[in-house]
Amino acid sequence: MKRVLLIHTGGTLGMHDLSPITVKRRSADLSRDLYRKVPELRAIADIDVRVLMNKDSSSMCVSDWVEIVI
């Protein structure tokens, strides 16, 4: 089985259920939601989800890019 690391930084996949206040989603919640919405993923790969931040791409700045790299 292939292993995939999904690093969440925000956007459509993880922000649909959030309030207008910026809230950091928990990795376990996002992983559960991902498998619930696309159950076929279980047969394709073992996906490890890590939530790094919850930002809309239009709000990203250089310091966010640095955090992603580190």
PDB file of N, CA and C in Angstrom:
ATOM      1  N   MET A   1       0.855  -1.185   0.000  1.00  0.00           N
ATOM      2  CA  MET A   1       0.000   0.000   0.000  1.00  0.00           C
ATOM      3  C   MET A   1       0.892   1.236   0.000  1.00  0.00           C
ATOM      4  N   LYS A   2       0.599   2.154  -0.874  1.00  0.00           N
ATOM      5  CA  LYS A   2       1.330   3.420  -0.944  1.00  0.00           C
ATOM      6  C   LYS A   2       0.954   4.290   0.247  1.00  0.00           C
ATOM      7  N   ARG A   3       1.903   5.096   0.696  1.00  0.00           N
ATOM      8  CA  ARG A   3       1.653   6.045   1.782  1.00  0.00           C
ATOM      9  C   ARG A   3       1.725   7.461   1.225  1.00  0.00           C
ATOM     10  N   VAL A   4       0.767   8.295   1.611  1.00  0.00           N
ATOM     11  CA  VAL A   4       0.698   9.675   1.140  1.00  0.00           C
ATOM     12  C   VAL A   4       0.591  10.595   2.353  1.00  0.00           C
ATOM     13  N   LEU A   5       1.400  11.640   2.373  1.00  0.00           N
ATOM     14  CA  LEU A   5       1.304  12.658   3.408  1.00  0.00           C
ATOM     15  C   LEU A   5       0.593  13.861   2.807  1.00  0.00           C
ATOM     16  N   LEU A   6      -0.559  14.210   3.374  1.00  0.00           N
ATOM     17  CA  LEU A   6      -1.333  15.360   2.919  1.00  0.00           C
ATOM     18  C   LEU A   6      -1.151  16.460   3.958  1.00  0.00           C
ATOM     19  N   ILE A   7      -0.475  17.530   3.569  1.00  0.00           N
ATOM     20  CA  ILE A   7      -0.247  18.661   4.470  1.00  0.00           C
ATOM     21  C   ILE A   7      -1.274  19.730   4.140  1.00  0.00           C
ATOM     22  N   HIS A   8      -2.195  19.915   5.063  1.00  0.00           N
ATOM     23  CA  HIS A   8      -3.296  20.860   4.850  1.00  0.00           C
ATOM     24  C   HIS A   8      -2.859  22.268   5.258  1.00  0.00           C
ATOM     25  N   THR A   9      -3.066  23.211   4.362  1.00  0.00           N
ATOM     26  CA  THR A   9      -2.743  24.608   4.661  1.00  0.00           C
ATOM     27  C   THR A   9      -3.973  25.503   4.604  1.00  0.00           C
ATOM     28  N   GLY A  10      -5.120  24.916   4.275  1.00  0.00           N
ATOM     29  CA  GLY A  10      -6.349  25.682   4.208  1.00  0.00           C
ATOM     30  C   GLY A  10      -7.058  25.448   2.897  1.00  0.00           C
ATOM     31  N   GLY A  11      -8.084  26.208   2.664  1.00  0.00           N
ATOM     32  CA  GLY A  11      -8.797  26.098   1.402  1.00  0.00           C
ATOM     33  C   GLY A  11      -9.986  25.155   1.457  1.00  0.00           C
ATOM     34  N   THR A  12     -10.457  24.767   0.311  1.00  0.00           N
ATOM     35  CA  THR A  12     -11.714  24.060   0.129  1.00  0.00           C
ATOM     36  C   THR A  12     -11.834  22.776   0.931  1.00  0.00           C
ATOM     37  N   LEU A  13     -10.832  21.915   0.911  1.00  0.00           N
ATOM     38  CA  LEU A  13     -10.946  20.611   1.572  1.00  0.00           C
ATOM     39  C   LEU A  13     -11.214  20.705   3.064  1.00  0.00           C
ATOM     40  N   GLY A  14     -10.577  21.641   3.724  1.00  0.00           N
ATOM     41  CA  GLY A  14     -10.686  21.655   5.170  1.00  0.00           C
ATOM     42  C   GLY A  14     -11.436  22.795   5.788  1.00  0.00           C
ATOM     43  N   MET A  15     -11.885  23.744   5.001  1.00  0.00           N
ATOM     44  CA  MET A  15     -12.487  24.932   5.587  1.00  0.00           C
ATOM     45  C   MET A  15     -13.994  25.008   5.392  1.00  0.00           C
ATOM     46  N   HIS A  16     -14.599  24.035   4.756  1.00  0.00           N
ATOM     47  CA  HIS A  16     -16.019  24.136   4.434  1.00  0.00           C
ATOM     48  C   HIS A  16     -16.925  24.168   5.654  1.00  0.00           C
ATOM     49  N   ASP A  17     -16.522  23.561   6.768  1.00  0.00           N
ATOM     50  CA  ASP A  17     -17.380  23.510   7.949  1.00  0.00           C
ATOM     51  C   ASP A  17     -16.995  24.532   9.014  1.00  0.00           C
ATOM     52  N   LEU A  18     -16.063  25.410   8.727  1.00  0.00           N
ATOM     53  CA  LEU A  18     -15.570  26.324   9.746  1.00  0.00           C
ATOM     54  C   LEU A  18     -16.408  27.583   9.847  1.00  0.00           C
ATOM     55  N   SER A  19     -16.393  28.172  11.019  1.00  0.00           N
ATOM     56  CA  SER A  19     -17.051  29.456  11.216  1.00  0.00           C
ATOM     57  C   SER A  19     -16.192  30.540  10.580  1.00  0.00           C
ATOM     58  N   PRO A  20     -16.693  31.763  10.487  1.00  0.00           N
ATOM     59  CA  PRO A  20     -15.890  32.840   9.908  1.00  0.00           C
ATOM     60  C   PRO A  20     -14.595  33.101  10.682  1.00  0.00           C
ATOM     61  N   ILE A  21     -14.566  32.723  11.951  1.00  0.00           N
ATOM     62  CA  ILE A  21     -13.345  32.894  12.743  1.00  0.00           C
ATOM     63  C   ILE A  21     -12.357  31.825  12.304  1.00  0.00           C
ATOM     64  N   THR A  22     -11.102  32.189  12.120  1.00  0.00           N
ATOM     65  CA  THR A  22     -10.098  31.212  11.707  1.00  0.00           C
ATOM     66  C   THR A  22      -9.891  30.193  12.819  1.00  0.00           C
ATOM     67  N   VAL A  23     -10.179  28.951  12.514  1.00  0.00           N
ATOM     68  CA  VAL A  23     -10.047  27.853  13.467  1.00  0.00           C
ATOM     69  C   VAL A  23      -9.144  26.807  12.843  1.00  0.00           C
ATOM     70  N   LYS A  24      -8.221  26.272  13.623  1.00  0.00           N
ATOM     71  CA  LYS A  24      -7.343  25.231  13.100  1.00  0.00           C
ATOM     72  C   LYS A  24      -8.036  23.881  13.213  1.00  0.00           C
ATOM     73  N   ARG A  25      -8.256  23.239  12.083  1.00  0.00           N
ATOM     74  CA  ARG A  25      -8.866  21.911  12.085  1.00  0.00           C
ATOM     75  C   ARG A  25      -7.890  20.908  12.634  1.00  0.00           C
ATOM     76  N   ARG A  26      -8.385  19.900  13.320  1.00  0.00           N
ATOM     77  CA  ARG A  26      -7.540  18.827  13.814  1.00  0.00           C
ATOM     78  C   ARG A  26      -7.278  17.830  12.697  1.00  0.00           C
ATOM     79  N   SER A  27      -6.080  17.290  12.664  1.00  0.00           N
ATOM     80  CA  SER A  27      -5.697  16.326  11.633  1.00  0.00           C
ATOM     81  C   SER A  27      -6.652  15.137  11.596  1.00  0.00           C
ATOM     82  N   ALA A  28      -7.022  14.614  12.767  1.00  0.00           N
ATOM     83  CA  ALA A  28      -7.913  13.448  12.825  1.00  0.00           C
ATOM     84  C   ALA A  28      -9.273  13.760  12.210  1.00  0.00           C
ATOM     85  N   ASP A  29      -9.792  14.955  12.454  1.00  0.00           N
ATOM     86  CA  ASP A  29     -11.089  15.342  11.894  1.00  0.00           C
ATOM     87  C   ASP A  29     -11.032  15.433  10.378  1.00  0.00           C
ATOM     88  N   LEU A  30      -9.980  16.046   9.863  1.00  0.00           N
ATOM     89  CA  LEU A  30      -9.847  16.203   8.418  1.00  0.00           C
ATOM     90  C   LEU A  30      -9.654  14.842   7.750  1.00  0.00           C
ATOM     91  N   SER A  31      -8.871  13.983   8.367  1.00  0.00           N
ATOM     92  CA  SER A  31      -8.653  12.638   7.829  1.00  0.00           C
ATOM     93  C   SER A  31      -9.968  11.859   7.782  1.00  0.00           C
ATOM     94  N   ARG A  32     -10.728  11.897   8.861  1.00  0.00           N
ATOM     95  CA  ARG A  32     -12.016  11.210   8.927  1.00  0.00           C
ATOM     96  C   ARG A  32     -12.961  11.732   7.843  1.00  0.00           C
ATOM     97  N   ASP A  33     -13.031  13.058   7.695  1.00  0.00           N
ATOM     98  CA  ASP A  33     -13.911  13.658   6.686  1.00  0.00           C
ATOM     99  C   ASP A  33     -13.497  13.274   5.273  1.00  0.00           C
ATOM    100  N   LEU A  34     -12.195  13.235   5.037  1.00  0.00           N
ATOM    101  CA  LEU A  34     -11.687  12.887   3.714  1.00  0.00           C
ATOM    102  C   LEU A  34     -12.079  11.458   3.347  1.00  0.00           C
ATOM    103  N   TYR A  35     -11.865  10.513   4.259  1.00  0.00           N
ATOM    104  CA  TYR A  35     -12.231   9.125   3.994  1.00  0.00           C
ATOM    105  C   TYR A  35     -13.749   8.940   3.901  1.00  0.00           C
ATOM    106  N   ARG A  36     -14.504   9.725   4.648  1.00  0.00           N
ATOM    107  CA  ARG A  36     -15.965   9.616   4.592  1.00  0.00           C
ATOM    108  C   ARG A  36     -16.483  10.101   3.237  1.00  0.00           C
ATOM    109  N   LYS A  37     -15.896  11.167   2.720  1.00  0.00           N
ATOM    110  CA  LYS A  37     -16.364  11.726   1.449  1.00  0.00           C
ATOM    111  C   LYS A  37     -15.857  10.950   0.239  1.00  0.00           C
ATOM    112  N   VAL A  38     -14.665  10.327   0.382  1.00  0.00           N
ATOM    113  CA  VAL A  38     -14.088   9.554  -0.716  1.00  0.00           C
ATOM    114  C   VAL A  38     -13.612   8.208  -0.154  1.00  0.00           C
ATOM    115  N   PRO A  39     -14.524   7.300   0.139  1.00  0.00           N
ATOM    116  CA  PRO A  39     -14.154   6.035   0.767  1.00  0.00           C
ATOM    117  C   PRO A  39     -13.214   5.177  -0.076  1.00  0.00           C
ATOM    118  N   GLU A  40     -13.206   5.402  -1.381  1.00  0.00           N
ATOM    119  CA  GLU A  40     -12.328   4.642  -2.278  1.00  0.00           C
ATOM    120  C   GLU A  40     -10.849   4.881  -1.976  1.00  0.00           C
ATOM    121  N   LEU A  41     -10.537   5.978  -1.294  1.00  0.00           N
ATOM    122  CA  LEU A  41      -9.141   6.280  -0.970  1.00  0.00           C
ATOM    123  C   LEU A  41      -8.503   5.177  -0.136  1.00  0.00           C
ATOM    124  N   ARG A  42      -9.286   4.507   0.702  1.00  0.00           N
ATOM    125  CA  ARG A  42      -8.748   3.441   1.558  1.00  0.00           C
ATOM    126  C   ARG A  42      -8.111   2.326   0.742  1.00  0.00           C
ATOM    127  N   ALA A  43      -8.621   2.082  -0.456  1.00  0.00           N
ATOM    128  CA  ALA A  43      -8.085   1.026  -1.312  1.00  0.00           C
ATOM    129  C   ALA A  43      -6.872   1.483  -2.114  1.00  0.00           C
ATOM    130  N   ILE A  44      -6.651   2.794  -2.176  1.00  0.00           N
ATOM    131  CA  ILE A  44      -5.564   3.344  -2.998  1.00  0.00           C
ATOM    132  C   ILE A  44      -4.309   3.614  -2.197  1.00  0.00           C
ATOM    133  N   ALA A  45      -4.465   4.210  -1.014  1.00  0.00           N
ATOM    134  CA  ALA A  45      -3.289   4.612  -0.244  1.00  0.00           C
ATOM    135  C   ALA A  45      -3.637   4.808   1.227  1.00  0.00           C
ATOM    136  N   ASP A  46      -2.609   4.723   2.052  1.00  0.00           N
ATOM    137  CA  ASP A  46      -2.717   5.075   3.463  1.00  0.00           C
ATOM    138  C   ASP A  46      -2.375   6.554   3.553  1.00  0.00           C
ATOM    139  N   ILE A  47      -3.360   7.384   3.865  1.00  0.00           N
ATOM    140  CA  ILE A  47      -3.169   8.831   3.840  1.00  0.00           C
ATOM    141  C   ILE A  47      -2.996   9.362   5.258  1.00  0.00           C
ATOM    142  N   ASP A  48      -1.872  10.015   5.482  1.00  0.00           N
ATOM    143  CA  ASP A  48      -1.588  10.653   6.763  1.00  0.00           C
ATOM    144  C   ASP A  48      -1.836  12.147   6.578  1.00  0.00           C
ATOM    145  N   VAL A  49      -2.800  12.691   7.309  1.00  0.00           N
ATOM    146  CA  VAL A  49      -3.172  14.098   7.166  1.00  0.00           C
ATOM    147  C   VAL A  49      -2.560  14.902   8.310  1.00  0.00           C
ATOM    148  N   ARG A  50      -1.881  15.980   7.973  1.00  0.00           N
ATOM    149  CA  ARG A  50      -1.340  16.903   8.967  1.00  0.00           C
ATOM    150  C   ARG A  50      -1.875  18.295   8.657  1.00  0.00           C
ATOM    151  N   VAL A  51      -2.443  18.945   9.663  1.00  0.00           N
ATOM    152  CA  VAL A  51      -2.948  20.307   9.499  1.00  0.00           C
ATOM    153  C   VAL A  51      -1.846  21.264   9.921  1.00  0.00           C
ATOM    154  N   LEU A  52      -1.346  22.030   8.980  1.00  0.00           N
ATOM    155  CA  LEU A  52      -0.297  23.002   9.253  1.00  0.00           C
ATOM    156  C   LEU A  52      -0.904  24.364   9.589  1.00  0.00           C
ATOM    157  N   MET A  53      -1.909  24.755   8.828  1.00  0.00           N
ATOM    158  CA  MET A  53      -2.587  26.038   9.035  1.00  0.00           C
ATOM    159  C   MET A  53      -3.920  25.994   8.313  1.00  0.00           C
ATOM    160  N   ASN A  54      -4.757  26.979   8.555  1.00  0.00           N
ATOM    161  CA  ASN A  54      -6.028  27.128   7.849  1.00  0.00           C
ATOM    162  C   ASN A  54      -6.106  28.534   7.290  1.00  0.00           C
ATOM    163  N   LYS A  55      -5.598  28.687   6.089  1.00  0.00           N
ATOM    164  CA  LYS A  55      -5.614  30.008   5.460  1.00  0.00           C
ATOM    165  C   LYS A  55      -6.141  29.894   4.046  1.00  0.00           C
ATOM    166  N   ASP A  56      -6.888  30.881   3.653  1.00  0.00           N
ATOM    167  CA  ASP A  56      -7.290  31.001   2.263  1.00  0.00           C
ATOM    168  C   ASP A  56      -6.047  31.375   1.465  1.00  0.00           C
ATOM    169  N   SER A  57      -5.923  30.878   0.256  1.00  0.00           N
ATOM    170  CA  SER A  57      -4.728  31.151  -0.544  1.00  0.00           C
ATOM    171  C   SER A  57      -4.508  32.642  -0.784  1.00  0.00           C
ATOM    172  N   SER A  58      -5.584  33.422  -0.803  1.00  0.00           N
ATOM    173  CA  SER A  58      -5.420  34.862  -1.019  1.00  0.00           C
ATOM    174  C   SER A  58      -4.837  35.561   0.209  1.00  0.00           C
ATOM    175  N   SER A  59      -4.806  34.868   1.347  1.00  0.00           N
ATOM    176  CA  SER A  59      -4.247  35.444   2.576  1.00  0.00           C
ATOM    177  C   SER A  59      -2.827  34.971   2.867  1.00  0.00           C
ATOM    178  N   MET A  60      -2.298  34.091   2.030  1.00  0.00           N
ATOM    179  CA  MET A  60      -0.951  33.561   2.255  1.00  0.00           C
ATOM    180  C   MET A  60       0.094  34.659   2.032  1.00  0.00           C
ATOM    181  N   CYS A  61       1.159  34.591   2.819  1.00  0.00           N
ATOM    182  CA  CYS A  61       2.256  35.545   2.670  1.00  0.00           C
ATOM    183  C   CYS A  61       3.590  34.802   2.791  1.00  0.00           C
ATOM    184  N   VAL A  62       4.673  35.510   2.635  1.00  0.00           N
ATOM    185  CA  VAL A  62       6.001  34.899   2.620  1.00  0.00           C
ATOM    186  C   VAL A  62       6.264  34.100   3.896  1.00  0.00           C
ATOM    187  N   SER A  63       5.864  34.607   5.046  1.00  0.00           N
ATOM    188  CA  SER A  63       6.123  33.870   6.293  1.00  0.00           C
ATOM    189  C   SER A  63       5.379  32.521   6.318  1.00  0.00           C
ATOM    190  N   ASP A  64       4.229  32.453   5.662  1.00  0.00           N
ATOM    191  CA  ASP A  64       3.501  31.179   5.565  1.00  0.00           C
ATOM    192  C   ASP A  64       4.277  30.208   4.681  1.00  0.00           C
ATOM    193  N   TRP A  65       4.828  30.679   3.583  1.00  0.00           N
ATOM    194  CA  TRP A  65       5.620  29.838   2.705  1.00  0.00           C
ATOM    195  C   TRP A  65       6.823  29.262   3.440  1.00  0.00           C
ATOM    196  N   VAL A  66       7.439  30.111   4.268  1.00  0.00           N
ATOM    197  CA  VAL A  66       8.589  29.661   5.055  1.00  0.00           C
ATOM    198  C   VAL A  66       8.152  28.571   6.029  1.00  0.00           C
ATOM    199  N   GLU A  67       7.004  28.747   6.670  1.00  0.00           N
ATOM    200  CA  GLU A  67       6.506  27.723   7.602  1.00  0.00           C
ATOM    201  C   GLU A  67       6.251  26.410   6.901  1.00  0.00           C
ATOM    202  N   ILE A  68       5.740  26.452   5.679  1.00  0.00           N
ATOM    203  CA  ILE A  68       5.485  25.238   4.901  1.00  0.00           C
ATOM    204  C   ILE A  68       6.795  24.519   4.607  1.00  0.00           C
ATOM    205  N   VAL A  69       7.813  25.255   4.261  1.00  0.00           N
ATOM    206  CA  VAL A  69       9.105  24.664   3.895  1.00  0.00           C
ATOM    207  C   VAL A  69       9.783  24.026   5.097  1.00  0.00           C
ATOM    208  N   ILE A  70       9.666  24.679   6.249  1.00  0.00           N
ATOM    209  CA  ILE A  70      10.339  24.182   7.460  1.00  0.00           C
ATOM    210  C   ILE A  70       9.555  23.017   7.974  1.00  0.00           C
TER     211      ILE A  70
END
